[in-house]
Amino acid sequence: MSDLQVKKIINVSTGRNMGNIIDFDIRENGTIEGLIIEQNKNIFSLNRESDTRIYWDDITKIGEDVILVKRD
């Protein structure tokens, strides 16, 4: 999981960097259901409302430096 946290999350529809992985959504059986992305990095903000959930099924490719995600 730590290998995934250093990768950039790129939306293939827009080409934009979506943010950084800050947490994982893990099922009871231990499989990863999704990623929690922090969109706006601000060390003074404790507001988690801007965080985004990326479902594992939305991931199209995990590369060496990036994770490509298909979202509208």
N, C-alpha and C. Protein backbone atom coordinates (compact mmCIF):
# COMPACT_ATOMS: atom_id res chain seq x y z
N MET A 1 0.82 -1.19 0.00
CA MET A 1 0.00 0.00 0.00
C MET A 1 0.86 1.25 0.00
N SER A 2 2.00 1.20 0.67
CA SER A 2 2.85 2.39 0.69
C SER A 2 3.39 2.69 -0.70
N ASP A 3 3.55 1.68 -1.56
CA ASP A 3 3.98 1.92 -2.93
C ASP A 3 2.92 2.70 -3.70
N LEU A 4 1.66 2.46 -3.41
CA LEU A 4 0.58 3.18 -4.09
C LEU A 4 0.49 4.63 -3.64
N GLN A 5 0.79 4.90 -2.38
CA GLN A 5 0.60 6.24 -1.83
C GLN A 5 1.51 7.29 -2.45
N VAL A 6 2.61 6.90 -3.04
CA VAL A 6 3.52 7.88 -3.64
C VAL A 6 3.21 8.17 -5.11
N LYS A 7 2.24 7.46 -5.67
CA LYS A 7 1.89 7.65 -7.07
C LYS A 7 0.88 8.78 -7.24
N LYS A 8 0.97 9.49 -8.36
CA LYS A 8 0.00 10.52 -8.69
C LYS A 8 -1.25 9.85 -9.23
N ILE A 9 -2.41 10.42 -8.91
CA ILE A 9 -3.69 9.92 -9.39
C ILE A 9 -4.12 10.83 -10.54
N ILE A 10 -4.21 10.27 -11.75
CA ILE A 10 -4.54 11.05 -12.94
C ILE A 10 -5.87 10.59 -13.51
N ASN A 11 -6.78 11.54 -13.74
CA ASN A 11 -8.06 11.27 -14.38
C ASN A 11 -7.81 11.21 -15.88
N VAL A 12 -8.03 10.05 -16.52
CA VAL A 12 -7.76 9.91 -17.95
C VAL A 12 -8.73 10.71 -18.81
N SER A 13 -9.89 11.04 -18.29
CA SER A 13 -10.87 11.84 -19.05
C SER A 13 -10.43 13.29 -19.19
N THR A 14 -9.80 13.83 -18.14
CA THR A 14 -9.41 15.25 -18.15
C THR A 14 -7.90 15.46 -18.21
N GLY A 15 -7.12 14.44 -17.86
CA GLY A 15 -5.66 14.57 -17.81
C GLY A 15 -5.17 15.28 -16.56
N ARG A 16 -6.06 15.56 -15.63
CA ARG A 16 -5.70 16.30 -14.41
C ARG A 16 -5.27 15.38 -13.28
N ASN A 17 -4.37 15.91 -12.46
CA ASN A 17 -3.96 15.24 -11.24
C ASN A 17 -5.10 15.39 -10.23
N MET A 18 -5.60 14.29 -9.71
CA MET A 18 -6.75 14.32 -8.80
C MET A 18 -6.36 14.57 -7.36
N GLY A 19 -5.12 14.33 -6.99
CA GLY A 19 -4.70 14.53 -5.61
C GLY A 19 -3.82 13.41 -5.12
N ASN A 20 -3.74 13.28 -3.82
CA ASN A 20 -2.86 12.29 -3.18
C ASN A 20 -3.67 11.28 -2.40
N ILE A 21 -3.19 10.04 -2.38
CA ILE A 21 -3.85 8.99 -1.59
C ILE A 21 -3.55 9.24 -0.12
N ILE A 22 -4.61 9.33 0.68
CA ILE A 22 -4.42 9.51 2.11
C ILE A 22 -4.93 8.32 2.92
N ASP A 23 -5.74 7.47 2.27
CA ASP A 23 -6.28 6.31 3.00
C ASP A 23 -6.79 5.30 2.00
N PHE A 24 -7.10 4.11 2.50
CA PHE A 24 -7.63 3.03 1.68
C PHE A 24 -8.95 2.57 2.27
N ASP A 25 -9.88 2.20 1.41
CA ASP A 25 -11.15 1.62 1.83
C ASP A 25 -10.98 0.11 1.67
N ILE A 26 -10.87 -0.60 2.79
CA ILE A 26 -10.57 -2.02 2.78
C ILE A 26 -11.76 -2.81 3.31
N ARG A 27 -12.12 -3.86 2.58
CA ARG A 27 -13.22 -4.74 2.99
C ARG A 27 -12.79 -5.62 4.16
N GLU A 28 -13.75 -6.24 4.78
CA GLU A 28 -13.46 -7.12 5.92
C GLU A 28 -12.58 -8.30 5.53
N ASN A 29 -12.65 -8.73 4.25
CA ASN A 29 -11.83 -9.86 3.81
C ASN A 29 -10.41 -9.44 3.42
N GLY A 30 -10.11 -8.15 3.53
CA GLY A 30 -8.76 -7.66 3.28
C GLY A 30 -8.51 -7.11 1.89
N THR A 31 -9.49 -7.17 0.99
CA THR A 31 -9.29 -6.62 -0.34
C THR A 31 -9.55 -5.12 -0.34
N ILE A 32 -8.86 -4.42 -1.22
CA ILE A 32 -9.02 -2.97 -1.32
C ILE A 32 -10.25 -2.67 -2.18
N GLU A 33 -11.20 -1.94 -1.60
CA GLU A 33 -12.40 -1.54 -2.33
C GLU A 33 -12.19 -0.21 -3.04
N GLY A 34 -11.35 0.64 -2.47
CA GLY A 34 -11.12 1.94 -3.08
C GLY A 34 -10.02 2.71 -2.40
N LEU A 35 -9.76 3.89 -2.94
CA LEU A 35 -8.75 4.80 -2.43
C LEU A 35 -9.43 6.08 -1.98
N ILE A 36 -8.93 6.69 -0.95
CA ILE A 36 -9.42 7.99 -0.50
C ILE A 36 -8.37 9.02 -0.92
N ILE A 37 -8.81 9.99 -1.70
CA ILE A 37 -7.92 10.99 -2.27
C ILE A 37 -8.15 12.33 -1.60
N GLU A 38 -7.07 12.97 -1.22
CA GLU A 38 -7.12 14.33 -0.68
C GLU A 38 -6.93 15.28 -1.86
N GLN A 39 -7.97 16.04 -2.19
CA GLN A 39 -7.90 16.91 -3.36
C GLN A 39 -7.07 18.16 -3.13
N ASN A 40 -7.38 18.89 -2.11
CA ASN A 40 -6.70 20.14 -1.85
C ASN A 40 -5.84 19.98 -0.61
N LYS A 41 -4.55 19.93 -0.81
CA LYS A 41 -3.64 19.72 0.31
C LYS A 41 -3.41 21.04 1.04
N ASN A 42 -3.85 21.08 2.29
CA ASN A 42 -3.69 22.27 3.10
C ASN A 42 -3.44 21.80 4.53
N ILE A 43 -2.26 22.08 5.07
CA ILE A 43 -1.91 21.56 6.39
C ILE A 43 -2.74 22.20 7.50
N PHE A 44 -3.40 23.32 7.21
CA PHE A 44 -4.20 23.99 8.22
C PHE A 44 -5.65 23.56 8.20
N SER A 45 -6.03 22.78 7.20
CA SER A 45 -7.42 22.36 7.05
C SER A 45 -7.64 20.98 7.64
N LEU A 46 -8.62 20.88 8.51
CA LEU A 46 -9.00 19.58 9.06
C LEU A 46 -10.29 19.08 8.43
N ASN A 47 -10.79 19.81 7.45
CA ASN A 47 -12.03 19.47 6.77
C ASN A 47 -11.79 18.32 5.80
N ARG A 48 -12.45 17.20 5.99
CA ARG A 48 -12.29 16.03 5.14
C ARG A 48 -13.40 15.95 4.10
N GLU A 49 -14.26 16.98 4.01
CA GLU A 49 -15.37 16.95 3.06
C GLU A 49 -14.89 17.00 1.61
N SER A 50 -13.71 17.55 1.37
CA SER A 50 -13.21 17.65 0.00
C SER A 50 -12.52 16.37 -0.46
N ASP A 51 -12.39 15.38 0.41
CA ASP A 51 -11.77 14.11 0.04
C ASP A 51 -12.67 13.37 -0.94
N THR A 52 -12.06 12.62 -1.82
CA THR A 52 -12.77 11.89 -2.86
C THR A 52 -12.48 10.40 -2.74
N ARG A 53 -13.51 9.60 -2.95
CA ARG A 53 -13.34 8.14 -2.95
C ARG A 53 -13.22 7.67 -4.39
N ILE A 54 -12.17 6.93 -4.67
CA ILE A 54 -11.96 6.32 -5.97
C ILE A 54 -12.18 4.82 -5.80
N TYR A 55 -13.16 4.28 -6.50
CA TYR A 55 -13.42 2.84 -6.40
C TYR A 55 -12.39 2.06 -7.22
N TRP A 56 -12.04 0.89 -6.74
CA TRP A 56 -11.02 0.07 -7.38
C TRP A 56 -11.39 -0.20 -8.84
N ASP A 57 -12.68 -0.35 -9.13
CA ASP A 57 -13.14 -0.61 -10.50
C ASP A 57 -12.92 0.58 -11.43
N ASP A 58 -12.73 1.79 -10.88
CA ASP A 58 -12.48 2.99 -11.69
C ASP A 58 -11.03 3.09 -12.13
N ILE A 59 -10.15 2.31 -11.53
CA ILE A 59 -8.72 2.35 -11.87
C ILE A 59 -8.51 1.57 -13.16
N THR A 60 -7.93 2.25 -14.17
CA THR A 60 -7.70 1.58 -15.45
C THR A 60 -6.29 1.04 -15.57
N LYS A 61 -5.31 1.67 -14.90
CA LYS A 61 -3.92 1.23 -15.00
C LYS A 61 -3.13 1.75 -13.82
N ILE A 62 -2.30 0.90 -13.26
CA ILE A 62 -1.35 1.32 -12.23
C ILE A 62 0.03 1.22 -12.84
N GLY A 63 0.63 2.38 -13.04
CA GLY A 63 1.96 2.44 -13.65
C GLY A 63 3.04 2.62 -12.60
N GLU A 64 4.25 2.85 -13.07
CA GLU A 64 5.39 3.01 -12.18
C GLU A 64 5.28 4.29 -11.34
N ASP A 65 4.75 5.35 -11.96
CA ASP A 65 4.67 6.65 -11.26
C ASP A 65 3.26 7.16 -11.06
N VAL A 66 2.29 6.61 -11.79
CA VAL A 66 0.93 7.14 -11.76
C VAL A 66 -0.10 6.02 -11.66
N ILE A 67 -1.29 6.41 -11.21
CA ILE A 67 -2.47 5.56 -11.25
C ILE A 67 -3.48 6.27 -12.13
N LEU A 68 -3.91 5.61 -13.21
CA LEU A 68 -4.86 6.21 -14.14
C LEU A 68 -6.27 5.79 -13.74
N VAL A 69 -7.16 6.78 -13.65
CA VAL A 69 -8.52 6.57 -13.19
C VAL A 69 -9.48 7.10 -14.23
N LYS A 70 -10.51 6.34 -14.54
CA LYS A 70 -11.54 6.82 -15.47
C LYS A 70 -12.75 7.29 -14.68
N ARG A 71 -12.97 8.60 -14.69
CA ARG A 71 -14.11 9.22 -14.01
C ARG A 71 -14.64 10.34 -14.88
N ASP A 72 -15.95 10.58 -14.78
CA ASP A 72 -16.57 11.68 -15.54
C ASP A 72 -16.42 12.98 -14.80
